[in-house]
Amino acid sequence: MPHVDRGWSAEKGHYGGGDAGETMSNAALLLVHATTARFGHTGVARQDERARMHRRAAVRRARVARARPPSWVPARTDQTHGDGW
């Protein structure tokens, strides 16, 4: 966890990184935090407050792409859409 701790932003409520895997990494770490809490783990992987902050941050702002992808992206792989799920 020490390596992962460096990426945590309490201000933003999620782990940073800024790369293509950021969303997946945040989801995986939220699962780790939730699982450790569910089974009563008391080690460094249990981060209840981070899990709460992460959940609040995730629902506070929409994670929806609003810009069109670059012209080199084939139309069949374009997943850009408006608000909503």
N, C-alpha and C. Protein backbone atom coordinates (compact mmCIF):
# COMPACT_ATOMS: atom_id res chain seq x y z
N MET A 1 0.80 -1.21 0.00
CA MET A 1 0.00 0.00 0.00
C MET A 1 0.84 1.28 0.00
N PRO A 2 2.06 1.30 0.50
CA PRO A 2 2.82 2.56 0.49
C PRO A 2 2.96 3.16 -0.91
N HIS A 3 3.17 2.32 -1.91
CA HIS A 3 3.29 2.81 -3.28
C HIS A 3 1.97 3.44 -3.73
N VAL A 4 0.88 2.82 -3.39
CA VAL A 4 -0.44 3.30 -3.79
C VAL A 4 -0.80 4.58 -3.03
N ASP A 5 -0.40 4.67 -1.78
CA ASP A 5 -0.72 5.84 -0.95
C ASP A 5 -0.25 7.14 -1.59
N ARG A 6 0.84 7.12 -2.30
CA ARG A 6 1.36 8.33 -2.92
C ARG A 6 0.41 8.92 -3.95
N GLY A 7 -0.43 8.09 -4.53
CA GLY A 7 -1.36 8.56 -5.55
C GLY A 7 -2.69 9.05 -5.02
N TRP A 8 -2.94 8.89 -3.71
CA TRP A 8 -4.23 9.28 -3.15
C TRP A 8 -4.35 10.80 -3.05
N SER A 9 -5.49 11.34 -3.47
CA SER A 9 -5.77 12.76 -3.34
C SER A 9 -7.04 12.92 -2.51
N ALA A 10 -6.88 13.36 -1.26
CA ALA A 10 -8.05 13.58 -0.40
C ALA A 10 -8.92 14.71 -0.96
N GLU A 11 -8.28 15.67 -1.59
CA GLU A 11 -9.02 16.80 -2.17
C GLU A 11 -9.96 16.33 -3.29
N LYS A 12 -9.47 15.43 -4.13
CA LYS A 12 -10.27 14.94 -5.26
C LYS A 12 -11.10 13.72 -4.89
N GLY A 13 -10.70 12.99 -3.86
CA GLY A 13 -11.45 11.81 -3.45
C GLY A 13 -11.17 10.58 -4.29
N HIS A 14 -10.00 10.53 -4.92
CA HIS A 14 -9.65 9.35 -5.70
C HIS A 14 -8.14 9.25 -5.85
N TYR A 15 -7.71 8.11 -6.37
CA TYR A 15 -6.29 7.91 -6.64
C TYR A 15 -5.96 8.52 -7.98
N GLY A 16 -4.86 9.25 -8.05
CA GLY A 16 -4.47 9.91 -9.28
C GLY A 16 -3.65 9.00 -10.17
N GLY A 17 -3.14 9.55 -11.17
CA GLY A 17 -2.32 8.81 -12.12
C GLY A 17 -2.38 9.46 -13.48
N GLY A 18 -3.59 9.87 -13.85
CA GLY A 18 -3.77 10.57 -15.10
C GLY A 18 -3.57 9.75 -16.35
N ASP A 19 -3.48 8.43 -16.20
CA ASP A 19 -3.27 7.60 -17.39
C ASP A 19 -4.55 6.86 -17.73
N ALA A 20 -4.48 6.07 -18.78
CA ALA A 20 -5.66 5.35 -19.26
C ALA A 20 -6.19 4.34 -18.25
N GLY A 21 -5.36 3.88 -17.34
CA GLY A 21 -5.78 2.88 -16.36
C GLY A 21 -6.29 3.47 -15.06
N GLU A 22 -6.42 4.78 -14.98
CA GLU A 22 -6.80 5.42 -13.73
C GLU A 22 -8.16 4.95 -13.21
N THR A 23 -9.15 4.88 -14.08
CA THR A 23 -10.48 4.46 -13.66
C THR A 23 -10.46 3.02 -13.17
N MET A 24 -9.78 2.14 -13.90
CA MET A 24 -9.71 0.75 -13.49
C MET A 24 -8.96 0.60 -12.17
N SER A 25 -7.90 1.35 -12.01
CA SER A 25 -7.13 1.29 -10.76
C SER A 25 -7.97 1.76 -9.58
N ASN A 26 -8.71 2.84 -9.77
CA ASN A 26 -9.58 3.33 -8.70
C ASN A 26 -10.65 2.33 -8.34
N ALA A 27 -11.24 1.70 -9.35
CA ALA A 27 -12.27 0.69 -9.09
C ALA A 27 -11.68 -0.50 -8.33
N ALA A 28 -10.50 -0.94 -8.72
CA ALA A 28 -9.86 -2.07 -8.05
C ALA A 28 -9.52 -1.74 -6.60
N LEU A 29 -9.03 -0.53 -6.36
CA LEU A 29 -8.68 -0.14 -4.99
C LEU A 29 -9.92 0.06 -4.14
N LEU A 30 -11.00 0.55 -4.72
CA LEU A 30 -12.25 0.64 -3.98
C LEU A 30 -12.74 -0.75 -3.58
N LEU A 31 -12.60 -1.70 -4.48
CA LEU A 31 -12.96 -3.08 -4.17
C LEU A 31 -12.08 -3.64 -3.04
N VAL A 32 -10.79 -3.35 -3.07
CA VAL A 32 -9.89 -3.79 -2.00
C VAL A 32 -10.35 -3.21 -0.66
N HIS A 33 -10.61 -1.90 -0.64
CA HIS A 33 -11.01 -1.25 0.61
C HIS A 33 -12.34 -1.81 1.11
N ALA A 34 -13.29 -2.03 0.22
CA ALA A 34 -14.60 -2.55 0.62
C ALA A 34 -14.50 -4.00 1.11
N THR A 35 -13.70 -4.80 0.43
CA THR A 35 -13.55 -6.20 0.81
C THR A 35 -12.87 -6.34 2.17
N THR A 36 -11.85 -5.54 2.40
CA THR A 36 -11.17 -5.61 3.69
C THR A 36 -12.10 -5.19 4.82
N ALA A 37 -12.95 -4.21 4.57
CA ALA A 37 -13.92 -3.78 5.58
C ALA A 37 -14.96 -4.87 5.81
N ARG A 38 -15.44 -5.46 4.72
CA ARG A 38 -16.49 -6.50 4.81
C ARG A 38 -16.03 -7.67 5.66
N PHE A 39 -14.77 -8.04 5.54
CA PHE A 39 -14.27 -9.21 6.26
C PHE A 39 -13.49 -8.86 7.53
N GLY A 40 -13.57 -7.60 7.95
CA GLY A 40 -12.99 -7.20 9.22
C GLY A 40 -11.48 -7.11 9.27
N HIS A 41 -10.85 -7.00 8.11
CA HIS A 41 -9.39 -6.86 8.07
C HIS A 41 -9.00 -5.56 8.75
N THR A 42 -7.89 -5.57 9.46
CA THR A 42 -7.46 -4.36 10.17
C THR A 42 -6.10 -3.85 9.70
N GLY A 43 -5.59 -4.37 8.61
CA GLY A 43 -4.28 -3.95 8.10
C GLY A 43 -4.34 -2.68 7.28
N VAL A 44 -3.22 -2.39 6.64
CA VAL A 44 -3.09 -1.13 5.89
C VAL A 44 -3.99 -1.04 4.66
N ALA A 45 -4.46 -2.16 4.15
CA ALA A 45 -5.34 -2.13 2.97
C ALA A 45 -6.74 -1.63 3.31
N ARG A 46 -7.08 -1.66 4.59
CA ARG A 46 -8.41 -1.18 4.99
C ARG A 46 -8.35 0.34 5.13
N GLN A 47 -9.09 1.01 4.28
CA GLN A 47 -9.13 2.47 4.26
C GLN A 47 -10.58 2.92 4.17
N ASP A 48 -11.32 2.81 5.27
CA ASP A 48 -12.75 3.11 5.27
C ASP A 48 -13.06 4.53 4.82
N GLU A 49 -12.31 5.49 5.35
CA GLU A 49 -12.60 6.88 4.99
C GLU A 49 -12.30 7.15 3.52
N ARG A 50 -11.24 6.57 3.02
CA ARG A 50 -10.94 6.73 1.58
C ARG A 50 -12.06 6.13 0.74
N ALA A 51 -12.56 4.98 1.14
CA ALA A 51 -13.64 4.34 0.38
C ALA A 51 -14.87 5.24 0.37
N ARG A 52 -15.20 5.85 1.51
CA ARG A 52 -16.34 6.76 1.57
C ARG A 52 -16.12 7.99 0.67
N MET A 53 -14.93 8.56 0.75
CA MET A 53 -14.62 9.73 -0.06
C MET A 53 -14.64 9.40 -1.54
N HIS A 54 -14.13 8.24 -1.87
CA HIS A 54 -14.08 7.79 -3.26
C HIS A 54 -15.49 7.62 -3.81
N ARG A 55 -16.35 7.00 -3.02
CA ARG A 55 -17.74 6.79 -3.45
C ARG A 55 -18.44 8.12 -3.65
N ARG A 56 -18.28 9.04 -2.71
CA ARG A 56 -18.92 10.36 -2.84
C ARG A 56 -18.40 11.09 -4.07
N ALA A 57 -17.11 11.04 -4.30
CA ALA A 57 -16.53 11.72 -5.46
C ALA A 57 -17.05 11.12 -6.77
N ALA A 58 -17.23 9.82 -6.78
CA ALA A 58 -17.67 9.14 -8.01
C ALA A 58 -19.09 9.55 -8.40
N VAL A 59 -19.95 9.75 -7.42
CA VAL A 59 -21.33 10.12 -7.75
C VAL A 59 -21.53 11.63 -7.84
N ARG A 60 -20.56 12.39 -7.35
CA ARG A 60 -20.66 13.85 -7.37
C ARG A 60 -20.45 14.41 -8.77
N ARG A 61 -19.61 13.79 -9.53
CA ARG A 61 -19.31 14.32 -10.86
C ARG A 61 -19.51 13.22 -11.91
N ALA A 62 -20.03 13.63 -13.03
CA ALA A 62 -20.24 12.68 -14.11
C ALA A 62 -18.91 12.34 -14.77
N ARG A 63 -18.70 11.08 -15.04
CA ARG A 63 -17.50 10.63 -15.74
C ARG A 63 -17.89 10.28 -17.17
N VAL A 64 -18.35 11.27 -17.89
CA VAL A 64 -18.83 11.05 -19.24
C VAL A 64 -17.97 11.86 -20.21
N ALA A 65 -17.54 11.20 -21.26
CA ALA A 65 -16.76 11.90 -22.29
C ALA A 65 -17.67 12.84 -23.05
N ARG A 66 -17.28 14.07 -23.18
CA ARG A 66 -18.10 15.06 -23.89
C ARG A 66 -17.48 15.47 -25.22
N ALA A 67 -16.21 15.29 -25.36
CA ALA A 67 -15.54 15.69 -26.59
C ALA A 67 -15.50 14.53 -27.58
N ARG A 68 -15.46 14.85 -28.82
CA ARG A 68 -15.34 13.81 -29.85
C ARG A 68 -13.94 13.25 -29.80
N PRO A 69 -13.79 11.99 -30.13
CA PRO A 69 -12.45 11.39 -30.15
C PRO A 69 -11.63 11.93 -31.32
N PRO A 70 -10.33 11.71 -31.27
CA PRO A 70 -9.49 12.15 -32.39
C PRO A 70 -9.94 11.52 -33.70
N SER A 71 -9.63 12.17 -34.80
CA SER A 71 -10.09 11.72 -36.11
C SER A 71 -9.56 10.34 -36.48
N TRP A 72 -8.45 9.91 -35.87
CA TRP A 72 -7.88 8.60 -36.21
C TRP A 72 -8.60 7.44 -35.53
N VAL A 73 -9.54 7.73 -34.61
CA VAL A 73 -10.29 6.66 -33.94
C VAL A 73 -11.42 6.22 -34.85
N PRO A 74 -11.49 4.93 -35.20
CA PRO A 74 -12.56 4.45 -36.08
C PRO A 74 -13.94 4.68 -35.45
N ALA A 75 -14.91 5.05 -36.25
CA ALA A 75 -16.26 5.35 -35.76
C ALA A 75 -16.86 4.17 -35.00
N ARG A 76 -16.55 2.96 -35.40
CA ARG A 76 -17.14 1.78 -34.74
C ARG A 76 -16.65 1.60 -33.30
N THR A 77 -15.55 2.26 -32.94
CA THR A 77 -15.05 2.15 -31.56
C THR A 77 -15.35 3.39 -30.74
N ASP A 78 -16.03 4.36 -31.34
CA ASP A 78 -16.36 5.61 -30.63
C ASP A 78 -17.42 5.32 -29.56
N GLN A 79 -17.07 5.56 -28.31
CA GLN A 79 -18.01 5.33 -27.20
C GLN A 79 -18.44 6.64 -26.56
N THR A 80 -18.24 7.74 -27.25
CA THR A 80 -18.64 9.04 -26.73
C THR A 80 -20.16 9.12 -26.69
N HIS A 81 -20.69 9.65 -25.59
CA HIS A 81 -22.14 9.79 -25.46
C HIS A 81 -22.45 10.94 -24.52
N GLY A 82 -23.71 11.32 -24.47
CA GLY A 82 -24.11 12.41 -23.61
C GLY A 82 -24.31 11.96 -22.18
N ASP A 83 -24.85 12.85 -21.37
CA ASP A 83 -25.09 12.52 -19.97
C ASP A 83 -26.06 11.35 -19.84
N GLY A 84 -25.90 10.63 -18.75
CA GLY A 84 -26.80 9.52 -18.48
C GLY A 84 -26.11 8.19 -18.71
N TRP A 85 -26.73 7.17 -18.28
CA TRP A 85 -26.16 5.82 -18.41
C TRP A 85 -27.06 5.05 -19.30
